[in-house]
Amino acid sequence: MSQNTLPIPPHFGKVAVLMGGHSAEREVSLMSGTGVLAALRSKGVDAHAFDPAERDLSALKTDGFDRCFIALHGRFGEDGTVQGALELLGIPYTGSGVLASSMAIDKVMTKRLLLSEGLPTPAYVLLRQGSYSSADVDAAVDTLGLPLIVKPAREGSSIGLSKVTARADMALAVEKAAQLDADVLCEQFIHGDEVTCPVLGTGNAAQALPVICIVAPEGNYDYQNKYFTDTTQYRVPCGLPLGEEAAIQALVLRAYRTLGCRGWARADVMIDQASRQPFLLEVNTSPGMTGHSLVPMSARAAGLPYEDLCLAILGSAALEHTRPTQAQAQAQAQAQAPLNPGAAA
């Protein structure tokens, strides 16, 4: 990853680092945003903290911000809602656009799209709030076997996730996930290596960074072990058998492009211990940027320090749709006038 092509900081103008927000991942987002803010300022960027939970997004326009670094995680930040607001405000932002963001945060929708393109992902059963019974919960165990994973369909950072090893624990796991989301995802458990792979760039220019192998205590890579302990091991180089890392990078790039992601993201993958078949779990379009986060770790292994990573991501900020100028808008209105006889001449 070349550092010579990074944009010159003054060209970024006034930058808002969106952090905090309203989601269950607010605490992690504040940690990510604080790190990004310090990194950008250290590179001479006129960057400012902006918490959508404390200020209306319209203030981004009135306060003269030129672009946004989205360090929000989860709902109301990673799900297309903030992206849509920034499109309307005409302020370029980091990460994927409205459609890719809204699809990627929905783990079930992601699975459907991946499967439609022939990409491997664990088998699943969807339980929709108000439309499933205790028999349906029990049937999920019969379909997927034990152990299995139960999690909210639209949360991140392993919030609300349970690994179910006994049928008797299934109802409680579903109830826990249902407190956070109307849709509960029951997913086949893949026994094997847990890895993750970040991507930087857009379209054909997108590049997969080094794969990280995650070794958590007792295989439990939960919220606590992700962000607040030092017992989880992260192996980069990943130490996978020859050729597996390149195959996973290629698979992750296919998923990234299938979802229409841009700028940056990170995909989580499980590798079946027996078959060595990789299975895509999900794609995170606004990954963590904390001291324990994986994208900065992988970038460092590729020779890209944290500060330059933040600068590169900020440099990719864009809008999905360019707003027409006033002259273009007037020309478009005139062209459509014959289609609207009731319009004033």
Protein backbone atom coordinates (compact mmCIF):
# COMPACT_ATOMS: atom_id res chain seq x y z
CA MET A 1 0.00 0.00 0.00
CA SER A 2 1.81 3.12 -1.20
CA GLN A 3 1.90 6.15 1.08
CA ASN A 4 3.05 8.43 -1.75
CA THR A 5 -0.46 8.76 -3.15
CA LEU A 6 -2.08 9.99 0.07
CA PRO A 7 -3.89 13.33 -0.37
CA ILE A 8 -2.42 16.51 1.10
CA PRO A 9 -4.31 17.23 4.39
CA PRO A 10 -5.32 20.87 3.62
CA HIS A 11 -7.28 19.60 0.61
CA PHE A 12 -9.64 17.82 3.01
CA GLY A 13 -11.02 21.07 4.40
CA LYS A 14 -12.96 20.95 7.66
CA VAL A 15 -13.53 17.34 8.68
CA ALA A 16 -16.09 15.91 11.11
CA VAL A 17 -15.24 12.61 12.80
CA LEU A 18 -18.63 11.09 13.53
CA MET A 19 -18.47 9.07 16.73
CA GLY A 20 -20.70 7.87 19.55
CA GLY A 21 -24.21 7.88 18.16
CA HIS A 22 -27.25 6.00 19.39
CA SER A 23 -26.36 2.33 18.82
CA ALA A 24 -25.49 -0.43 21.28
CA GLU A 25 -21.89 0.00 20.08
CA ARG A 26 -21.66 3.62 21.24
CA GLU A 27 -18.82 2.91 23.68
CA VAL A 28 -16.67 1.25 21.02
CA SER A 29 -17.49 4.02 18.54
CA LEU A 30 -16.25 6.68 20.96
CA MET A 31 -12.96 4.78 21.30
CA SER A 32 -12.65 4.44 17.52
CA GLY A 33 -13.48 8.08 16.91
CA THR A 34 -11.06 9.35 19.53
CA GLY A 35 -8.22 7.41 17.90
CA VAL A 36 -9.13 8.58 14.40
CA LEU A 37 -9.45 12.20 15.54
CA ALA A 38 -5.99 12.19 17.12
CA ALA A 39 -4.47 10.51 14.07
CA LEU A 40 -5.95 13.00 11.60
CA ARG A 41 -4.92 15.98 13.70
CA SER A 42 -1.39 14.60 13.93
CA LYS A 43 -1.33 14.71 10.11
CA GLY A 44 -2.43 18.35 9.96
CA VAL A 45 -6.11 17.73 9.19
CA ASP A 46 -8.63 20.26 10.53
CA ALA A 47 -10.64 17.50 12.23
CA HIS A 48 -13.38 17.86 14.88
CA ALA A 49 -15.38 15.40 16.97
CA PHE A 50 -19.10 15.23 16.15
CA ASP A 51 -21.52 13.04 18.12
CA PRO A 52 -24.91 12.58 16.36
CA ALA A 53 -26.43 11.68 19.72
CA GLU A 54 -25.67 15.18 20.96
CA ARG A 55 -25.99 17.32 17.81
CA ASP A 56 -28.34 17.28 14.85
CA LEU A 57 -26.68 16.21 11.62
CA SER A 58 -27.89 19.42 9.94
CA ALA A 59 -25.19 21.22 11.96
CA LEU A 60 -22.63 19.59 9.69
CA LYS A 61 -23.86 21.86 6.91
CA THR A 62 -24.34 25.01 8.94
CA ASP A 63 -20.92 24.60 10.58
CA GLY A 64 -19.22 24.29 7.19
CA PHE A 65 -17.87 20.75 7.29
CA ASP A 66 -16.42 19.59 3.98
CA ARG A 67 -16.32 15.84 4.60
CA CYS A 68 -16.99 13.23 7.28
CA PHE A 69 -15.01 10.31 8.63
CA ILE A 70 -17.66 7.86 9.86
CA ALA A 71 -16.39 6.16 13.03
CA LEU A 72 -19.92 5.13 14.04
CA HIS A 73 -20.70 1.44 14.48
CA GLY A 74 -23.97 -0.44 14.29
CA ARG A 75 -27.39 1.08 13.80
CA PHE A 76 -27.84 4.74 12.93
CA GLY A 77 -24.25 4.89 11.70
CA GLU A 78 -23.34 1.78 9.75
CA ASP A 79 -26.76 0.89 8.35
CA GLY A 80 -27.27 3.48 5.62
CA THR A 81 -29.21 6.01 7.71
CA VAL A 82 -26.34 8.46 8.32
CA GLN A 83 -25.08 7.80 4.81
CA GLY A 84 -28.47 8.84 3.42
CA ALA A 85 -28.49 12.02 5.49
CA LEU A 86 -25.01 12.94 4.26
CA GLU A 87 -26.09 12.32 0.67
CA LEU A 88 -28.94 14.80 1.17
CA LEU A 89 -26.58 17.29 2.81
CA GLY A 90 -24.09 16.84 -0.03
CA ILE A 91 -21.17 16.11 2.32
CA PRO A 92 -18.75 13.35 1.18
CA TYR A 93 -18.23 10.58 3.72
CA THR A 94 -16.00 7.57 4.27
CA GLY A 95 -17.05 3.99 3.70
CA SER A 96 -19.84 2.38 1.74
CA GLY A 97 -22.89 4.12 0.40
CA VAL A 98 -26.53 3.83 1.42
CA LEU A 99 -27.42 0.56 -0.29
CA ALA A 100 -24.24 -1.38 0.53
CA SER A 101 -24.33 -0.18 4.15
CA SER A 102 -27.97 -1.16 4.65
CA MET A 103 -27.42 -4.60 3.13
CA ALA A 104 -24.17 -5.39 4.91
CA ILE A 105 -25.46 -4.61 8.40
CA ASP A 106 -28.31 -7.08 7.85
CA LYS A 107 -26.62 -10.46 8.28
CA VAL A 108 -29.53 -12.33 6.70
CA MET A 109 -29.68 -10.06 3.66
CA THR A 110 -25.91 -10.42 3.31
CA LYS A 111 -26.24 -14.20 3.36
CA ARG A 112 -28.96 -14.16 0.73
CA LEU A 113 -26.84 -12.02 -1.56
CA LEU A 114 -23.70 -14.09 -1.01
CA LEU A 115 -25.56 -17.33 -1.68
CA SER A 116 -27.10 -15.90 -4.85
CA GLU A 117 -23.54 -15.34 -6.13
CA GLY A 118 -22.36 -18.80 -5.09
CA LEU A 119 -20.23 -17.56 -2.19
CA PRO A 120 -20.02 -19.86 0.86
CA THR A 121 -21.66 -18.84 4.13
CA PRO A 122 -22.89 -21.00 7.04
CA ALA A 123 -26.42 -22.42 6.87
CA TYR A 124 -29.00 -20.44 8.83
CA VAL A 125 -32.55 -20.22 10.13
CA LEU A 126 -34.28 -16.84 10.48
CA LEU A 127 -36.71 -16.27 13.35
CA ARG A 128 -38.89 -13.19 12.84
CA GLN A 129 -40.39 -11.47 15.87
CA GLY A 130 -44.05 -12.35 16.36
CA SER A 131 -44.03 -15.09 13.72
CA TYR A 132 -42.13 -17.94 15.36
CA SER A 133 -43.13 -20.39 18.07
CA SER A 134 -41.22 -22.50 20.58
CA ALA A 135 -41.54 -25.33 18.05
CA ASP A 136 -39.77 -23.16 15.45
CA VAL A 137 -36.96 -22.47 17.92
CA ASP A 138 -36.64 -26.18 18.56
CA ALA A 139 -36.73 -26.93 14.84
CA ALA A 140 -33.76 -24.60 14.29
CA VAL A 141 -31.68 -26.95 16.41
CA ASP A 142 -32.83 -29.92 14.34
CA THR A 143 -31.94 -28.10 11.12
CA LEU A 144 -28.54 -26.71 12.12
CA GLY A 145 -27.38 -29.14 14.78
CA LEU A 146 -25.40 -28.32 17.92
CA PRO A 147 -23.47 -26.28 18.71
CA LEU A 148 -24.97 -23.33 16.84
CA ILE A 149 -24.76 -19.55 16.98
CA VAL A 150 -27.68 -17.26 17.85
CA LYS A 151 -27.39 -13.51 17.29
CA PRO A 152 -29.38 -10.40 16.38
CA ALA A 153 -29.59 -9.96 12.62
CA ARG A 154 -28.48 -6.32 12.74
CA GLU A 155 -25.93 -5.82 15.52
CA GLY A 156 -22.15 -5.92 15.61
CA SER A 157 -19.25 -6.45 18.03
CA SER A 158 -20.80 -9.80 19.04
CA ILE A 159 -23.45 -7.94 21.06
CA GLY A 160 -26.34 -10.26 21.86
CA LEU A 161 -24.49 -13.30 20.46
CA SER A 162 -24.66 -16.74 22.10
CA LYS A 163 -23.03 -20.05 21.31
CA VAL A 164 -25.63 -22.69 22.11
CA THR A 165 -24.30 -26.12 23.04
CA ALA A 166 -27.45 -27.62 24.59
CA ARG A 167 -31.04 -27.63 23.34
CA ALA A 168 -32.25 -26.46 26.75
CA ASP A 169 -30.28 -23.18 26.35
CA MET A 170 -31.80 -22.30 22.98
CA ALA A 171 -34.86 -20.36 24.19
CA LEU A 172 -32.78 -18.10 26.45
CA ALA A 173 -30.30 -17.37 23.64
CA VAL A 174 -33.13 -16.42 21.26
CA GLU A 175 -34.70 -14.20 23.91
CA LYS A 176 -31.36 -12.45 24.48
CA ALA A 177 -30.95 -11.71 20.77
CA ALA A 178 -34.60 -10.68 20.37
CA GLN A 179 -34.13 -7.91 22.93
CA LEU A 180 -31.84 -6.19 20.43
CA ASP A 181 -33.48 -6.97 17.09
CA ALA A 182 -36.82 -8.04 15.67
CA ASP A 183 -35.01 -10.67 13.58
CA VAL A 184 -32.95 -13.40 15.22
CA LEU A 185 -30.36 -15.29 13.17
CA CYS A 186 -29.62 -18.91 14.07
CA GLU A 187 -26.45 -19.98 12.30
CA GLN A 188 -24.55 -23.20 11.73
CA PHE A 189 -21.41 -23.33 13.87
CA ILE A 190 -18.22 -23.83 11.88
CA HIS A 191 -15.50 -25.50 13.94
CA GLY A 192 -12.07 -24.31 12.89
CA ASP A 193 -9.91 -21.22 12.42
CA GLU A 194 -11.45 -17.77 12.86
CA VAL A 195 -9.91 -15.15 10.59
CA THR A 196 -10.62 -11.66 9.37
CA CYS A 197 -9.50 -9.73 6.31
CA PRO A 198 -9.76 -5.97 5.71
CA VAL A 199 -10.15 -4.34 2.29
CA LEU A 200 -9.15 -0.84 1.17
CA GLY A 201 -10.28 0.83 -2.04
CA THR A 202 -13.17 0.69 -4.46
CA GLY A 203 -14.11 -1.49 -7.44
CA ASN A 204 -11.24 -3.03 -9.36
CA ALA A 205 -8.77 -0.93 -7.36
CA ALA A 206 -9.81 -2.54 -4.06
CA GLN A 207 -7.06 -4.46 -2.29
CA ALA A 208 -7.27 -7.09 0.42
CA LEU A 209 -4.89 -6.53 3.35
CA PRO A 210 -3.13 -9.34 5.26
CA VAL A 211 -5.40 -11.94 6.88
CA ILE A 212 -5.41 -12.06 10.69
CA CYS A 213 -5.96 -15.33 12.56
CA ILE A 214 -7.85 -14.81 15.83
CA VAL A 215 -7.19 -17.12 18.78
CA ALA A 216 -9.56 -16.20 21.62
CA PRO A 217 -9.67 -17.76 25.11
CA GLU A 218 -11.63 -21.03 24.82
CA GLY A 219 -12.60 -19.92 21.31
CA ASN A 220 -14.87 -17.23 22.75
CA TYR A 221 -14.28 -14.04 20.73
CA ASP A 222 -17.00 -12.03 22.48
CA TYR A 223 -17.43 -8.30 23.19
CA GLN A 224 -15.18 -8.42 26.26
CA ASN A 225 -12.39 -10.32 24.52
CA LYS A 226 -12.61 -8.06 21.47
CA TYR A 227 -12.11 -4.75 23.22
CA PHE A 228 -11.21 -5.01 26.90
CA THR A 229 -8.78 -7.89 27.45
CA ASP A 230 -5.27 -8.72 26.27
CA THR A 231 -5.69 -12.50 26.31
CA THR A 232 -6.88 -12.86 22.71
CA GLN A 233 -4.06 -13.63 20.28
CA TYR A 234 -3.91 -12.06 16.82
CA ARG A 235 -1.61 -13.75 14.35
CA VAL A 236 -0.39 -11.68 11.44
CA PRO A 237 1.19 -13.20 9.43
CA CYS A 238 -1.74 -15.53 9.91
CA GLY A 239 0.25 -18.77 9.67
CA LEU A 240 -2.32 -20.50 7.45
CA PRO A 241 -1.25 -23.29 5.07
CA LEU A 242 0.30 -22.23 1.77
CA GLY A 243 -2.25 -20.70 -0.57
CA GLU A 244 -5.08 -20.38 1.96
CA GLU A 245 -4.45 -16.72 2.76
CA ALA A 246 -4.55 -15.74 -0.92
CA ALA A 247 -7.76 -17.78 -1.40
CA ILE A 248 -9.41 -16.03 1.55
CA GLN A 249 -8.33 -12.61 0.29
CA ALA A 250 -9.83 -13.40 -3.12
CA LEU A 251 -13.06 -14.62 -1.50
CA VAL A 252 -13.34 -11.50 0.67
CA LEU A 253 -12.77 -9.24 -2.34
CA ARG A 254 -15.59 -11.03 -4.19
CA ALA A 255 -17.93 -10.49 -1.23
CA TYR A 256 -16.87 -6.83 -0.93
CA ARG A 257 -17.62 -6.19 -4.60
CA THR A 258 -20.82 -8.25 -4.55
CA LEU A 259 -22.24 -6.04 -1.80
CA GLY A 260 -21.05 -2.91 -3.62
CA CYS A 261 -18.79 -1.76 -0.79
CA ARG A 262 -16.35 1.10 -1.26
CA GLY A 263 -13.56 2.84 0.63
CA TRP A 264 -12.91 0.21 3.26
CA ALA A 265 -14.46 -2.71 5.12
CA ARG A 266 -13.54 -5.91 6.92
CA ALA A 267 -14.91 -9.41 6.37
CA ASP A 268 -15.03 -12.15 9.01
CA VAL A 269 -14.46 -15.74 7.90
CA MET A 270 -14.50 -19.18 9.53
CA ILE A 271 -12.39 -22.00 8.06
CA ASP A 272 -13.79 -25.50 8.58
CA GLN A 273 -11.13 -27.52 10.37
CA ALA A 274 -11.77 -30.74 8.45
CA SER A 275 -12.40 -29.54 4.90
CA ARG A 276 -10.46 -26.22 5.06
CA GLN A 277 -13.47 -24.63 3.36
CA PRO A 278 -13.77 -20.91 4.24
CA PHE A 279 -17.23 -19.57 5.12
CA LEU A 280 -18.06 -15.85 5.02
CA LEU A 281 -19.82 -14.66 8.18
CA GLU A 282 -20.36 -10.95 7.56
CA VAL A 283 -18.89 -7.77 6.10
CA ASN A 284 -18.37 -4.79 8.40
CA THR A 285 -18.57 -1.51 6.48
CA SER A 286 -17.45 0.69 9.40
CA PRO A 287 -14.97 -1.47 11.32
CA GLY A 288 -13.46 -0.64 14.67
CA MET A 289 -10.45 1.66 14.87
CA THR A 290 -9.59 1.17 18.56
CA GLY A 291 -6.32 0.01 20.07
CA HIS A 292 -7.60 -3.59 19.83
CA SER A 293 -9.06 -3.25 16.34
CA LEU A 294 -8.12 -5.47 13.44
CA VAL A 295 -8.01 -3.17 10.42
CA PRO A 296 -5.16 -1.06 11.89
CA MET A 297 -3.35 -4.26 12.88
CA SER A 298 -3.55 -5.68 9.36
CA ALA A 299 -2.60 -2.34 7.80
CA ARG A 300 0.53 -2.12 9.98
CA ALA A 301 1.54 -5.57 8.73
CA ALA A 302 1.19 -4.20 5.19
CA GLY A 303 3.44 -1.24 6.04
CA LEU A 304 0.68 1.33 6.60
CA PRO A 305 0.80 3.00 10.05
CA TYR A 306 -2.43 3.93 11.86
CA GLU A 307 -2.15 7.64 11.05
CA ASP A 308 -1.62 7.01 7.34
CA LEU A 309 -4.46 4.46 7.32
CA CYS A 310 -6.83 7.10 8.70
CA LEU A 311 -5.60 9.57 6.09
CA ALA A 312 -6.09 7.04 3.28
CA ILE A 313 -9.63 6.24 4.41
CA LEU A 314 -10.47 9.95 4.68
CA GLY A 315 -9.06 10.46 1.18
CA SER A 316 -11.61 7.95 -0.15
CA ALA A 317 -14.59 9.96 1.16
CA ALA A 318 -17.20 10.42 -1.55
CA LEU A 319 -20.88 10.76 -2.38
CA GLU A 320 -22.78 8.09 -4.27
CA HIS A 321 -24.59 10.74 -6.28
CA THR A 322 -23.24 14.11 -7.36
CA ARG A 323 -25.72 16.88 -6.82
CA PRO A 324 -26.74 18.69 -10.00
CA THR A 325 -25.83 22.36 -10.29
CA GLN A 326 -28.64 24.92 -10.35
CA ALA A 327 -28.30 25.21 -14.13
CA GLN A 328 -28.49 21.42 -14.52
CA ALA A 329 -31.55 21.27 -12.28
CA GLN A 330 -33.30 23.97 -14.33
CA ALA A 331 -32.45 22.20 -17.58
CA GLN A 332 -33.82 18.93 -16.19
CA ALA A 333 -37.04 20.64 -15.09
CA GLN A 334 -37.52 22.18 -18.54
CA ALA A 335 -36.94 18.82 -20.22
CA GLN A 336 -39.58 17.19 -18.00
CA ALA A 337 -42.13 20.02 -18.40
CA PRO A 338 -43.98 18.40 -21.38
CA LEU A 339 -44.51 15.32 -19.21
CA ASN A 340 -46.33 17.39 -16.63
CA PRO A 341 -49.13 19.40 -18.31
CA GLY A 342 -50.21 20.82 -14.96
CA ALA A 343 -46.89 22.53 -14.40
CA ALA A 344 -46.73 26.28 -14.76
CA ALA A 345 -45.31 27.53 -18.05
